[in-house]
Amino acid sequence: MEENVVVTQEQRDELTEAFNDLFTNVSAMVKGDLQGTNNVLKLLESMNLKVAEEYNGFGDVAAGLRVFVERLKAKSENFDEYVQQIDAIEQQVTDLEVVVSMLDKYVSTLESKVKSVYQIPTSSS
């Protein structure tokens, strides 16, 4: 059983208007979605530019630090000779302290022997 559907002009106008509204709304939704995506991409681009600017600054700082470290290294190498001289002097002082200690013991022993030979009374202060 076939039914013939007869569509009136008024129904056609309503249907056309409904489709027009649908396409307009879908178009607005797609346009809004694309605009949102475009805004996100612009934000991402701005963030990337800012990060690149920051890293560029870090590169300048790193280059400055490298130069500073190289200068410190050169100065340190200049001081190596002085450090070696200081180490040698320190060793000589240690050796001299040992000799002075030995002399002090020898003088004390010698003093004791001289006192015992001459029997010099020790002075009480």
PDB file of N, CA and C in Angstrom:
ATOM      1  N   MET A   1       0.819  -1.139   0.000  1.00  0.00           N
ATOM      2  CA  MET A   1       0.000   0.000   0.000  1.00  0.00           C
ATOM      3  C   MET A   1       0.894   1.244   0.000  1.00  0.00           C
ATOM      4  N   GLU A   2       0.755   2.006  -1.033  1.00  0.00           N
ATOM      5  CA  GLU A   2       1.549   3.201  -1.204  1.00  0.00           C
ATOM      6  C   GLU A   2       0.724   4.397  -0.850  1.00  0.00           C
ATOM      7  N   GLU A   3       1.343   5.243  -0.095  1.00  0.00           N
ATOM      8  CA  GLU A   3       0.638   6.467   0.247  1.00  0.00           C
ATOM      9  C   GLU A   3       1.288   7.601  -0.489  1.00  0.00           C
ATOM     10  N   ASN A   4       0.563   8.387  -1.035  1.00  0.00           N
ATOM     11  CA  ASN A   4       1.089   9.569  -1.704  1.00  0.00           C
ATOM     12  C   ASN A   4       1.152  10.686  -0.691  1.00  0.00           C
ATOM     13  N   VAL A   5       2.323  11.204  -0.571  1.00  0.00           N
ATOM     14  CA  VAL A   5       2.504  12.286   0.376  1.00  0.00           C
ATOM     15  C   VAL A   5       2.492  13.560  -0.442  1.00  0.00           C
ATOM     16  N   VAL A   6       1.628  14.401  -0.083  1.00  0.00           N
ATOM     17  CA  VAL A   6       1.525  15.667  -0.787  1.00  0.00           C
ATOM     18  C   VAL A   6       1.999  16.748   0.167  1.00  0.00           C
ATOM     19  N   VAL A   7       2.992  17.496  -0.300  1.00  0.00           N
ATOM     20  CA  VAL A   7       3.566  18.540   0.528  1.00  0.00           C
ATOM     21  C   VAL A   7       3.066  19.861  -0.019  1.00  0.00           C
ATOM     22  N   THR A   8       2.516  20.633   0.855  1.00  0.00           N
ATOM     23  CA  THR A   8       1.974  21.925   0.444  1.00  0.00           C
ATOM     24  C   THR A   8       3.084  22.963   0.401  1.00  0.00           C
ATOM     25  N   GLN A   9       2.803  24.076  -0.225  1.00  0.00           N
ATOM     26  CA  GLN A   9       3.768  25.171  -0.343  1.00  0.00           C
ATOM     27  C   GLN A   9       4.144  25.688   1.034  1.00  0.00           C
ATOM     28  N   GLU A  10       3.209  25.761   1.944  1.00  0.00           N
ATOM     29  CA  GLU A  10       3.466  26.248   3.311  1.00  0.00           C
ATOM     30  C   GLU A  10       4.412  25.304   4.024  1.00  0.00           C
ATOM     31  N   GLN A  11       4.229  23.991   3.829  1.00  0.00           N
ATOM     32  CA  GLN A  11       5.116  23.012   4.454  1.00  0.00           C
ATOM     33  C   GLN A  11       6.514  23.108   3.858  1.00  0.00           C
ATOM     34  N   ARG A  12       6.553  23.344   2.536  1.00  0.00           N
ATOM     35  CA  ARG A  12       7.847  23.500   1.894  1.00  0.00           C
ATOM     36  C   ARG A  12       8.564  24.728   2.443  1.00  0.00           C
ATOM     37  N   ASP A  13       7.869  25.815   2.644  1.00  0.00           N
ATOM     38  CA  ASP A  13       8.479  27.039   3.179  1.00  0.00           C
ATOM     39  C   ASP A  13       9.003  26.804   4.607  1.00  0.00           C
ATOM     40  N   GLU A  14       8.207  26.076   5.396  1.00  0.00           N
ATOM     41  CA  GLU A  14       8.638  25.776   6.774  1.00  0.00           C
ATOM     42  C   GLU A  14       9.872  24.873   6.765  1.00  0.00           C
ATOM     43  N   LEU A  15       9.841  23.884   5.863  1.00  0.00           N
ATOM     44  CA  LEU A  15      10.969  22.973   5.758  1.00  0.00           C
ATOM     45  C   LEU A  15      12.223  23.712   5.280  1.00  0.00           C
ATOM     46  N   THR A  16      12.061  24.577   4.308  1.00  0.00           N
ATOM     47  CA  THR A  16      13.181  25.364   3.801  1.00  0.00           C
ATOM     48  C   THR A  16      13.723  26.259   4.892  1.00  0.00           C
ATOM     49  N   GLU A  17      12.838  26.871   5.627  1.00  0.00           N
ATOM     50  CA  GLU A  17      13.260  27.743   6.736  1.00  0.00           C
ATOM     51  C   GLU A  17      13.974  26.938   7.819  1.00  0.00           C
ATOM     52  N   ALA A  18      13.496  25.748   8.115  1.00  0.00           N
ATOM     53  CA  ALA A  18      14.119  24.896   9.124  1.00  0.00           C
ATOM     54  C   ALA A  18      15.520  24.478   8.671  1.00  0.00           C
ATOM     55  N   PHE A  19      15.654  24.093   7.365  1.00  0.00           N
ATOM     56  CA  PHE A  19      16.971  23.738   6.844  1.00  0.00           C
ATOM     57  C   PHE A  19      17.919  24.941   6.846  1.00  0.00           C
ATOM     58  N   ASN A  20      17.381  26.083   6.479  1.00  0.00           N
ATOM     59  CA  ASN A  20      18.204  27.298   6.514  1.00  0.00           C
ATOM     60  C   ASN A  20      18.682  27.579   7.932  1.00  0.00           C
ATOM     61  N   ASP A  21      17.810  27.450   8.907  1.00  0.00           N
ATOM     62  CA  ASP A  21      18.198  27.654  10.317  1.00  0.00           C
ATOM     63  C   ASP A  21      19.250  26.618  10.720  1.00  0.00           C
ATOM     64  N   LEU A  22      19.031  25.350  10.295  1.00  0.00           N
ATOM     65  CA  LEU A  22      19.981  24.288  10.621  1.00  0.00           C
ATOM     66  C   LEU A  22      21.359  24.604  10.046  1.00  0.00           C
ATOM     67  N   PHE A  23      21.401  24.942   8.756  1.00  0.00           N
ATOM     68  CA  PHE A  23      22.690  25.245   8.127  1.00  0.00           C
ATOM     69  C   PHE A  23      23.331  26.489   8.742  1.00  0.00           C
ATOM     70  N   THR A  24      22.517  27.478   9.064  1.00  0.00           N
ATOM     71  CA  THR A  24      23.041  28.696   9.695  1.00  0.00           C
ATOM     72  C   THR A  24      23.633  28.360  11.058  1.00  0.00           C
ATOM     73  N   ASN A  25      22.923  27.552  11.829  1.00  0.00           N
ATOM     74  CA  ASN A  25      23.406  27.178  13.166  1.00  0.00           C
ATOM     75  C   ASN A  25      24.659  26.293  13.088  1.00  0.00           C
ATOM     76  N   VAL A  26      24.672  25.336  12.142  1.00  0.00           N
ATOM     77  CA  VAL A  26      25.838  24.481  11.965  1.00  0.00           C
ATOM     78  C   VAL A  26      27.024  25.328  11.511  1.00  0.00           C
ATOM     79  N   SER A  27      26.759  26.242  10.579  1.00  0.00           N
ATOM     80  CA  SER A  27      27.814  27.136  10.100  1.00  0.00           C
ATOM     81  C   SER A  27      28.362  27.986  11.245  1.00  0.00           C
ATOM     82  N   ALA A  28      27.491  28.525  12.076  1.00  0.00           N
ATOM     83  CA  ALA A  28      27.928  29.339  13.228  1.00  0.00           C
ATOM     84  C   ALA A  28      28.728  28.484  14.202  1.00  0.00           C
ATOM     85  N   MET A  29      28.295  27.231  14.410  1.00  0.00           N
ATOM     86  CA  MET A  29      29.011  26.343  15.328  1.00  0.00           C
ATOM     87  C   MET A  29      30.408  26.039  14.778  1.00  0.00           C
ATOM     88  N   VAL A  30      30.522  25.713  13.490  1.00  0.00           N
ATOM     89  CA  VAL A  30      31.813  25.418  12.883  1.00  0.00           C
ATOM     90  C   VAL A  30      32.694  26.657  12.926  1.00  0.00           C
ATOM     91  N   LYS A  31      32.094  27.817  12.600  1.00  0.00           N
ATOM     92  CA  LYS A  31      32.853  29.070  12.639  1.00  0.00           C
ATOM     93  C   LYS A  31      33.361  29.348  14.052  1.00  0.00           C
ATOM     94  N   GLY A  32      32.535  29.158  15.057  1.00  0.00           N
ATOM     95  CA  GLY A  32      32.946  29.353  16.450  1.00  0.00           C
ATOM     96  C   GLY A  32      34.045  28.378  16.848  1.00  0.00           C
ATOM     97  N   ASP A  33      33.903  27.121  16.425  1.00  0.00           N
ATOM     98  CA  ASP A  33      34.915  26.108  16.727  1.00  0.00           C
ATOM     99  C   ASP A  33      36.241  26.466  16.069  1.00  0.00           C
ATOM    100  N   LEU A  34      36.190  26.892  14.815  1.00  0.00           N
ATOM    101  CA  LEU A  34      37.411  27.299  14.116  1.00  0.00           C
ATOM    102  C   LEU A  34      38.029  28.541  14.756  1.00  0.00           C
ATOM    103  N   GLN A  35      37.188  29.470  15.171  1.00  0.00           N
ATOM    104  CA  GLN A  35      37.696  30.683  15.836  1.00  0.00           C
ATOM    105  C   GLN A  35      38.357  30.317  17.162  1.00  0.00           C
ATOM    106  N   GLY A  36      37.763  29.372  17.907  1.00  0.00           N
ATOM    107  CA  GLY A  36      38.368  28.905  19.160  1.00  0.00           C
ATOM    108  C   GLY A  36      39.718  28.251  18.905  1.00  0.00           C
ATOM    109  N   THR A  37      39.774  27.404  17.876  1.00  0.00           N
ATOM    110  CA  THR A  37      41.037  26.762  17.513  1.00  0.00           C
ATOM    111  C   THR A  37      42.070  27.805  17.113  1.00  0.00           C
ATOM    112  N   ASN A  38      41.635  28.799  16.332  1.00  0.00           N
ATOM    113  CA  ASN A  38      42.529  29.875  15.913  1.00  0.00           C
ATOM    114  C   ASN A  38      43.054  30.646  17.125  1.00  0.00           C
ATOM    115  N   ASN A  39      42.191  30.909  18.095  1.00  0.00           N
ATOM    116  CA  ASN A  39      42.614  31.611  19.316  1.00  0.00           C
ATOM    117  C   ASN A  39      43.624  30.786  20.108  1.00  0.00           C
ATOM    118  N   VAL A  40      43.393  29.485  20.183  1.00  0.00           N
ATOM    119  CA  VAL A  40      44.332  28.599  20.891  1.00  0.00           C
ATOM    120  C   VAL A  40      45.688  28.607  20.192  1.00  0.00           C
ATOM    121  N   LEU A  41      45.672  28.573  18.854  1.00  0.00           N
ATOM    122  CA  LEU A  41      46.931  28.579  18.103  1.00  0.00           C
ATOM    123  C   LEU A  41      47.674  29.901  18.281  1.00  0.00           C
ATOM    124  N   LYS A  42      46.930  31.014  18.315  1.00  0.00           N
ATOM    125  CA  LYS A  42      47.573  32.319  18.554  1.00  0.00           C
ATOM    126  C   LYS A  42      48.200  32.360  19.948  1.00  0.00           C
ATOM    127  N   LEU A  43      47.492  31.827  20.932  1.00  0.00           N
ATOM    128  CA  LEU A  43      48.027  31.773  22.293  1.00  0.00           C
ATOM    129  C   LEU A  43      49.282  30.906  22.339  1.00  0.00           C
ATOM    130  N   LEU A  44      49.239  29.768  21.679  1.00  0.00           N
ATOM    131  CA  LEU A  44      50.398  28.872  21.633  1.00  0.00           C
ATOM    132  C   LEU A  44      51.585  29.553  20.959  1.00  0.00           C
ATOM    133  N   GLU A  45      51.315  30.281  19.894  1.00  0.00           N
ATOM    134  CA  GLU A  45      52.382  31.004  19.204  1.00  0.00           C
ATOM    135  C   GLU A  45      52.995  32.051  20.133  1.00  0.00           C
ATOM    136  N   SER A  46      52.145  32.788  20.849  1.00  0.00           N
ATOM    137  CA  SER A  46      52.648  33.799  21.789  1.00  0.00           C
ATOM    138  C   SER A  46      53.488  33.163  22.887  1.00  0.00           C
ATOM    139  N   MET A  47      53.015  32.030  23.397  1.00  0.00           N
ATOM    140  CA  MET A  47      53.767  31.331  24.443  1.00  0.00           C
ATOM    141  C   MET A  47      55.113  30.851  23.904  1.00  0.00           C
ATOM    142  N   ASN A  48      55.127  30.317  22.686  1.00  0.00           N
ATOM    143  CA  ASN A  48      56.386  29.854  22.092  1.00  0.00           C
ATOM    144  C   ASN A  48      57.362  31.004  21.904  1.00  0.00           C
ATOM    145  N   LEU A  49      56.864  32.145  21.460  1.00  0.00           N
ATOM    146  CA  LEU A  49      57.730  33.316  21.290  1.00  0.00           C
ATOM    147  C   LEU A  49      58.311  33.762  22.630  1.00  0.00           C
ATOM    148  N   LYS A  50      57.481  33.748  23.666  1.00  0.00           N
ATOM    149  CA  LYS A  50      57.944  34.156  25.003  1.00  0.00           C
ATOM    150  C   LYS A  50      59.009  33.190  25.525  1.00  0.00           C
ATOM    151  N   VAL A  51      58.761  31.890  25.348  1.00  0.00           N
ATOM    152  CA  VAL A  51      59.728  30.884  25.799  1.00  0.00           C
ATOM    153  C   VAL A  51      61.025  31.016  25.011  1.00  0.00           C
ATOM    154  N   ALA A  52      60.923  31.241  23.702  1.00  0.00           N
ATOM    155  CA  ALA A  52      62.127  31.412  22.887  1.00  0.00           C
ATOM    156  C   ALA A  52      62.915  32.626  23.357  1.00  0.00           C
ATOM    157  N   GLU A  53      62.211  33.692  23.698  1.00  0.00           N
ATOM    158  CA  GLU A  53      62.870  34.901  24.215  1.00  0.00           C
ATOM    159  C   GLU A  53      63.587  34.615  25.532  1.00  0.00           C
ATOM    160  N   GLU A  54      62.925  33.862  26.410  1.00  0.00           N
ATOM    161  CA  GLU A  54      63.532  33.507  27.695  1.00  0.00           C
ATOM    162  C   GLU A  54      64.777  32.650  27.485  1.00  0.00           C
ATOM    163  N   TYR A  55      64.663  31.635  26.619  1.00  0.00           N
ATOM    164  CA  TYR A  55      65.817  30.770  26.372  1.00  0.00           C
ATOM    165  C   TYR A  55      66.951  31.527  25.699  1.00  0.00           C
ATOM    166  N   ASN A  56      66.615  32.493  24.864  1.00  0.00           N
ATOM    167  CA  ASN A  56      67.646  33.319  24.247  1.00  0.00           C
ATOM    168  C   ASN A  56      68.413  34.065  25.335  1.00  0.00           C
ATOM    169  N   GLY A  57      67.683  34.575  26.329  1.00  0.00           N
ATOM    170  CA  GLY A  57      68.329  35.231  27.468  1.00  0.00           C
ATOM    171  C   GLY A  57      69.215  34.265  28.239  1.00  0.00           C
ATOM    172  N   PHE A  58      68.756  33.026  28.411  1.00  0.00           N
ATOM    173  CA  PHE A  58      69.560  32.034  29.118  1.00  0.00           C
ATOM    174  C   PHE A  58      70.841  31.739  28.352  1.00  0.00           C
ATOM    175  N   GLY A  59      70.742  31.730  27.023  1.00  0.00           N
ATOM    176  CA  GLY A  59      71.935  31.502  26.210  1.00  0.00           C
ATOM    177  C   GLY A  59      72.959  32.595  26.429  1.00  0.00           C
ATOM    178  N   ASP A  60      72.482  33.840  26.521  1.00  0.00           N
ATOM    179  CA  ASP A  60      73.400  34.951  26.779  1.00  0.00           C
ATOM    180  C   ASP A  60      74.050  34.807  28.154  1.00  0.00           C
ATOM    181  N   VAL A  61      73.253  34.418  29.139  1.00  0.00           N
ATOM    182  CA  VAL A  61      73.788  34.218  30.494  1.00  0.00           C
ATOM    183  C   VAL A  61      74.817  33.096  30.496  1.00  0.00           C
ATOM    184  N   ALA A  62      74.504  31.997  29.811  1.00  0.00           N
ATOM    185  CA  ALA A  62      75.433  30.853  29.763  1.00  0.00           C
ATOM    186  C   ALA A  62      76.742  31.258  29.082  1.00  0.00           C
ATOM    187  N   ALA A  63      76.647  32.054  28.010  1.00  0.00           N
ATOM    188  CA  ALA A  63      77.865  32.495  27.321  1.00  0.00           C
ATOM    189  C   ALA A  63      78.691  33.385  28.248  1.00  0.00           C
ATOM    190  N   GLY A  64      78.014  34.270  28.988  1.00  0.00           N
ATOM    191  CA  GLY A  64      78.723  35.125  29.950  1.00  0.00           C
ATOM    192  C   GLY A  64      79.388  34.309  31.045  1.00  0.00           C
ATOM    193  N   LEU A  65      78.689  33.296  31.532  1.00  0.00           N
ATOM    194  CA  LEU A  65      79.265  32.438  32.573  1.00  0.00           C
ATOM    195  C   LEU A  65      80.468  31.665  32.051  1.00  0.00           C
ATOM    196  N   ARG A  66      80.401  31.233  30.809  1.00  0.00           N
ATOM    197  CA  ARG A  66      81.522  30.499  30.223  1.00  0.00           C
ATOM    198  C   ARG A  66      82.761  31.387  30.178  1.00  0.00           C
ATOM    199  N   VAL A  67      82.583  32.637  29.745  1.00  0.00           N
ATOM    200  CA  VAL A  67      83.710  33.575  29.698  1.00  0.00           C
ATOM    201  C   VAL A  67      84.250  33.812  31.103  1.00  0.00           C
ATOM    202  N   PHE A  68      83.347  33.979  32.074  1.00  0.00           N
ATOM    203  CA  PHE A  68      83.753  34.217  33.468  1.00  0.00           C
ATOM    204  C   PHE A  68      84.557  33.037  34.004  1.00  0.00           C
ATOM    205  N   VAL A  69      84.095  31.818  33.733  1.00  0.00           N
ATOM    206  CA  VAL A  69      84.793  30.616  34.211  1.00  0.00           C
ATOM    207  C   VAL A  69      86.165  30.501  33.550  1.00  0.00           C
ATOM    208  N   GLU A  70      86.249  30.821  32.267  1.00  0.00           N
ATOM    209  CA  GLU A  70      87.545  30.764  31.592  1.00  0.00           C
ATOM    210  C   GLU A  70      88.526  31.759  32.212  1.00  0.00           C
ATOM    211  N   ARG A  71      88.041  32.956  32.543  1.00  0.00           N
ATOM    212  CA  ARG A  71      88.908  33.949  33.193  1.00  0.00           C
ATOM    213  C   ARG A  71      89.360  33.469  34.568  1.00  0.00           C
ATOM    214  N   LEU A  72      88.421  32.893  35.333  1.00  0.00           N
ATOM    215  CA  LEU A  72      88.786  32.359  36.653  1.00  0.00           C
ATOM    216  C   LEU A  72      89.818  31.252  36.532  1.00  0.00           C
ATOM    217  N   LYS A  73      89.653  30.406  35.520  1.00  0.00           N
ATOM    218  CA  LYS A  73      90.607  29.313  35.312  1.00  0.00           C
ATOM    219  C   LYS A  73      91.989  29.868  35.003  1.00  0.00           C
ATOM    220  N   ALA A  74      92.045  30.904  34.155  1.00  0.00           N
ATOM    221  CA  ALA A  74      93.337  31.525  33.825  1.00  0.00           C
ATOM    222  C   ALA A  74      93.971  32.125  35.074  1.00  0.00           C
ATOM    223  N   LYS A  75      93.166  32.800  35.903  1.00  0.00           N
ATOM    224  CA  LYS A  75      93.693  33.378  37.140  1.00  0.00           C
ATOM    225  C   LYS A  75      94.156  32.283  38.087  1.00  0.00           C
ATOM    226  N   SER A  76      93.396  31.211  38.149  1.00  0.00           N
ATOM    227  CA  SER A  76      93.761  30.096  39.021  1.00  0.00           C
ATOM    228  C   SER A  76      95.100  29.504  38.600  1.00  0.00           C
ATOM    229  N   GLU A  77      95.302  29.385  37.290  1.00  0.00           N
ATOM    230  CA  GLU A  77      96.576  28.851  36.809  1.00  0.00           C
ATOM    231  C   GLU A  77      97.726  29.775  37.184  1.00  0.00           C
ATOM    232  N   ASN A  78      97.484  31.081  37.198  1.00  0.00           N
ATOM    233  CA  ASN A  78      98.516  32.033  37.606  1.00  0.00           C
ATOM    234  C   ASN A  78      98.867  31.867  39.089  1.00  0.00           C
ATOM    235  N   PHE A  79      97.883  31.456  39.897  1.00  0.00           N
ATOM    236  CA  PHE A  79      98.115  31.300  41.328  1.00  0.00           C
ATOM    237  C   PHE A  79      98.755  29.962  41.682  1.00  0.00           C
ATOM    238  N   ASP A  80      98.768  29.017  40.757  1.00  0.00           N
ATOM    239  CA  ASP A  80      99.340  27.696  41.040  1.00  0.00           C
ATOM    240  C   ASP A  80     100.800  27.799  41.496  1.00  0.00           C
ATOM    241  N   GLU A  81     101.559  28.674  40.855  1.00  0.00           N
ATOM    242  CA  GLU A  81     102.963  28.852  41.239  1.00  0.00           C
ATOM    243  C   GLU A  81     103.061  29.339  42.686  1.00  0.00           C
ATOM    244  N   TYR A  82     102.199  30.289  43.041  1.00  0.00           N
ATOM    245  CA  TYR A  82     102.217  30.819  44.401  1.00  0.00           C
ATOM    246  C   TYR A  82     101.771  29.767  45.411  1.00  0.00           C
ATOM    247  N   VAL A  83     100.809  28.958  45.037  1.00  0.00           N
ATOM    248  CA  VAL A  83     100.343  27.890  45.929  1.00  0.00           C
ATOM    249  C   VAL A  83     101.475  26.902  46.182  1.00  0.00           C
ATOM    250  N   GLN A  84     102.233  26.583  45.149  1.00  0.00           N
ATOM    251  CA  GLN A  84     103.369  25.674  45.320  1.00  0.00           C
ATOM    252  C   GLN A  84     104.416  26.288  46.245  1.00  0.00           C
ATOM    253  N   GLN A  85     104.663  27.588  46.095  1.00  0.00           N
ATOM    254  CA  GLN A  85     105.623  28.260  46.978  1.00  0.00           C
ATOM    255  C   GLN A  85     105.125  28.256  48.425  1.00  0.00           C
ATOM    256  N   ILE A  86     103.836  28.500  48.610  1.00  0.00           N
ATOM    257  CA  ILE A  86     103.254  28.483  49.963  1.00  0.00           C
ATOM    258  C   ILE A  86     103.379  27.085  50.564  1.00  0.00           C
ATOM    259  N   ASP A  87     103.101  26.055  49.766  1.00  0.00           N
ATOM    260  CA  ASP A  87     103.237  24.676  50.261  1.00  0.00           C
ATOM    261  C   ASP A  87     104.678  24.386  50.671  1.00  0.00           C
ATOM    262  N   ALA A  88     105.650  24.866  49.876  1.00  0.00           N
ATOM    263  CA  ALA A  88     107.067  24.653  50.206  1.00  0.00           C
ATOM    264  C   ALA A  88     107.421  25.380  51.506  1.00  0.00           C
ATOM    265  N   ILE A  89     106.941  26.610  51.666  1.00  0.00           N
ATOM    266  CA  ILE A  89     107.206  27.376  52.898  1.00  0.00           C
ATOM    267  C   ILE A  89     106.579  26.673  54.093  1.00  0.00           C
ATOM    268  N   GLU A  90     105.365  26.170  53.913  1.00  0.00           N
ATOM    269  CA  GLU A  90     104.695  25.465  55.001  1.00  0.00           C
ATOM    270  C   GLU A  90     105.505  24.237  55.424  1.00  0.00           C
ATOM    271  N   GLN A  91     106.050  23.507  54.462  1.00  0.00           N
ATOM    272  CA  GLN A  91     106.864  22.332  54.780  1.00  0.00           C
ATOM    273  C   GLN A  91     108.132  22.757  55.526  1.00  0.00           C
ATOM    274  N   GLN A  92     108.739  23.862  55.082  1.00  0.00           N
ATOM    275  CA  GLN A  92     109.945  24.353  55.751  1.00  0.00           C
ATOM    276  C   GLN A  92     109.633  24.774  57.187  1.00  0.00           C
ATOM    277  N   VAL A  93     108.497  25.400  57.402  1.00  0.00           N
ATOM    278  CA  VAL A  93     108.104  25.799  58.768  1.00  0.00           C
ATOM    279  C   VAL A  93     107.904  24.565  59.634  1.00  0.00           C
ATOM    280  N   THR A  94     107.273  23.542  59.084  1.00  0.00           N
ATOM    281  CA  THR A  94     107.072  22.302  59.844  1.00  0.00           C
ATOM    282  C   THR A  94     108.420  21.689  60.219  1.00  0.00           C
ATOM    283  N   ASP A  95     109.348  21.659  59.249  1.00  0.00           N
ATOM    284  CA  ASP A  95     110.689  21.125  59.523  1.00  0.00           C
ATOM    285  C   ASP A  95     111.398  21.966  60.586  1.00  0.00           C
ATOM    286  N   LEU A  96     111.256  23.292  60.492  1.00  0.00           N
ATOM    287  CA  LEU A  96     111.889  24.185  61.463  1.00  0.00           C
ATOM    288  C   LEU A  96     111.316  23.975  62.866  1.00  0.00           C
ATOM    289  N   GLU A  97     110.010  23.744  62.953  1.00  0.00           N
ATOM    290  CA  GLU A  97     109.385  23.474  64.256  1.00  0.00           C
ATOM    291  C   GLU A  97     109.963  22.206  64.870  1.00  0.00           C
ATOM    292  N   VAL A  98     110.208  21.194  64.051  1.00  0.00           N
ATOM    293  CA  VAL A  98     110.803  19.945  64.548  1.00  0.00           C
ATOM    294  C   VAL A  98     112.204  20.225  65.086  1.00  0.00           C
ATOM    295  N   VAL A  99     113.005  21.001  64.333  1.00  0.00           N
ATOM    296  CA  VAL A  99     114.368  21.327  64.765  1.00  0.00           C
ATOM    297  C   VAL A  99     114.332  22.136  66.064  1.00  0.00           C
ATOM    298  N   VAL A 100     113.440  23.124  66.156  1.00  0.00           N
ATOM    299  CA  VAL A 100     113.326  23.942  67.371  1.00  0.00           C
ATOM    300  C   VAL A 100     112.944  23.069  68.555  1.00  0.00           C
ATOM    301  N   SER A 101     112.043  22.144  68.353  1.00  0.00           N
ATOM    302  CA  SER A 101     111.643  21.244  69.438  1.00  0.00           C
ATOM    303  C   SER A 101     112.829  20.391  69.902  1.00  0.00           C
ATOM    304  N   MET A 102     113.603  19.894  68.935  1.00  0.00           N
ATOM    305  CA  MET A 102     114.776  19.091  69.296  1.00  0.00           C
ATOM    306  C   MET A 102     115.801  19.943  70.040  1.00  0.00           C
ATOM    307  N   LEU A 103     115.999  21.195  69.568  1.00  0.00           N
ATOM    308  CA  LEU A 103     116.940  22.097  70.252  1.00  0.00           C
ATOM    309  C   LEU A 103     116.469  22.419  71.666  1.00  0.00           C
ATOM    310  N   ASP A 104     115.170  22.609  71.821  1.00  0.00           N
ATOM    311  CA  ASP A 104     114.620  22.914  73.145  1.00  0.00           C
ATOM    312  C   ASP A 104     114.885  21.753  74.101  1.00  0.00           C
ATOM    313  N   LYS A 105     114.670  20.529  73.623  1.00  0.00           N
ATOM    314  CA  LYS A 105     114.946  19.363  74.465  1.00  0.00           C
ATOM    315  C   LYS A 105     116.443  19.275  74.783  1.00  0.00           C
ATOM    316  N   TYR A 106     117.279  19.528  73.794  1.00  0.00           N
ATOM    317  CA  TYR A 106     118.733  19.476  74.003  1.00  0.00           C
ATOM    318  C   TYR A 106     119.172  20.525  75.017  1.00  0.00           C
ATOM    319  N   VAL A 107     118.648  21.757  74.882  1.00  0.00           N
ATOM    320  CA  VAL A 107     119.010  22.831  75.814  1.00  0.00           C
ATOM    321  C   VAL A 107     118.533  22.478  77.215  1.00  0.00           C
ATOM    322  N   SER A 108     117.345  21.909  77.341  1.00  0.00           N
ATOM    323  CA  SER A 108     116.845  21.506  78.674  1.00  0.00           C
ATOM    324  C   SER A 108     117.751  20.440  79.287  1.00  0.00           C
ATOM    325  N   THR A 109     118.157  19.487  78.479  1.00  0.00           N
ATOM    326  CA  THR A 109     119.047  18.434  78.968  1.00  0.00           C
ATOM    327  C   THR A 109     120.406  19.015  79.359  1.00  0.00           C
ATOM    328  N   LEU A 110     120.905  19.896  78.516  1.00  0.00           N
ATOM    329  CA  LEU A 110     122.192  20.532  78.794  1.00  0.00           C
ATOM    330  C   LEU A 110     122.122  21.380  80.060  1.00  0.00           C
ATOM    331  N   GLU A 111     121.029  22.100  80.236  1.00  0.00           N
ATOM    332  CA  GLU A 111     120.849  22.912  81.437  1.00  0.00           C
ATOM    333  C   GLU A 111     120.832  22.024  82.683  1.00  0.00           C
ATOM    334  N   SER A 112     120.140  20.908  82.586  1.00  0.00           N
ATOM    335  CA  SER A 112     120.089  19.989  83.726  1.00  0.00           C
ATOM    336  C   SER A 112     121.483  19.466  84.064  1.00  0.00           C
ATOM    337  N   LYS A 113     122.272  19.143  83.045  1.00  0.00           N
ATOM    338  CA  LYS A 113     123.623  18.629  83.278  1.00  0.00           C
ATOM    339  C   LYS A 113     124.507  19.705  83.894  1.00  0.00           C
ATOM    340  N   VAL A 114     124.385  20.939  83.364  1.00  0.00           N
ATOM    341  CA  VAL A 114     125.210  22.032  83.908  1.00  0.00           C
ATOM    342  C   VAL A 114     124.839  22.273  85.369  1.00  0.00           C
ATOM    343  N   LYS A 115     123.586  22.264  85.702  1.00  0.00           N
ATOM    344  CA  LYS A 115     123.151  22.473  87.082  1.00  0.00           C
ATOM    345  C   LYS A 115     123.655  21.353  87.973  1.00  0.00           C
ATOM    346  N   SER A 116     123.608  20.143  87.453  1.00  0.00           N
ATOM    347  CA  SER A 116     124.046  19.040  88.294  1.00  0.00           C
ATOM    348  C   SER A 116     125.557  19.081  88.492  1.00  0.00           C
ATOM    349  N   VAL A 117     126.318  19.514  87.479  1.00  0.00           N
ATOM    350  CA  VAL A 117     127.776  19.580  87.615  1.00  0.00           C
ATOM    351  C   VAL A 117     128.145  20.699  88.583  1.00  0.00           C
ATOM    352  N   TYR A 118     127.576  21.826  88.444  1.00  0.00           N
ATOM    353  CA  TYR A 118     127.926  22.966  89.299  1.00  0.00           C
ATOM    354  C   TYR A 118     127.031  23.064  90.517  1.00  0.00           C
ATOM    355  N   GLN A 119     126.065  22.225  90.589  1.00  0.00           N
ATOM    356  CA  GLN A 119     125.108  22.189  91.682  1.00  0.00           C
ATOM    357  C   GLN A 119     124.555  23.573  91.968  1.00  0.00           C
ATOM    358  N   ILE A 120     124.048  24.168  90.933  1.00  0.00           N
ATOM    359  CA  ILE A 120     123.445  25.493  91.056  1.00  0.00           C
ATOM    360  C   ILE A 120     122.022  25.263  91.584  1.00  0.00           C
ATOM    361  N   PRO A 121     121.736  25.973  92.666  1.00  0.00           N
ATOM    362  CA  PRO A 121     120.362  25.788  93.188  1.00  0.00           C
ATOM    363  C   PRO A 121     119.355  26.443  92.248  1.00  0.00           C
ATOM    364  N   THR A 122     118.254  25.793  92.139  1.00  0.00           N
ATOM    365  CA  THR A 122     117.186  26.360  91.302  1.00  0.00           C
ATOM    366  C   THR A 122     116.553  27.499  92.031  1.00  0.00           C
ATOM    367  N   SER A 123     116.252  28.540  91.294  1.00  0.00           N
ATOM    368  CA  SER A 123     115.649  29.715  91.953  1.00  0.00           C
ATOM    369  C   SER A 123     114.163  29.516  92.062  1.00  0.00           C
ATOM    370  N   SER A 124     113.626  29.930  93.212  1.00  0.00           N
ATOM    371  CA  SER A 124     112.189  29.829  93.444  1.00  0.00           C
ATOM    372  C   SER A 124     111.618  31.220  93.314  1.00  0.00           C
ATOM    373  N   SER A 125     110.660  31.379  92.486  1.00  0.00           N
ATOM    374  CA  SER A 125     110.066  32.698  92.313  1.00  0.00           C
ATOM    375  C   SER A 125     108.726  32.739  92.951  1.00  0.00           C
TER     376      SER A 125
END
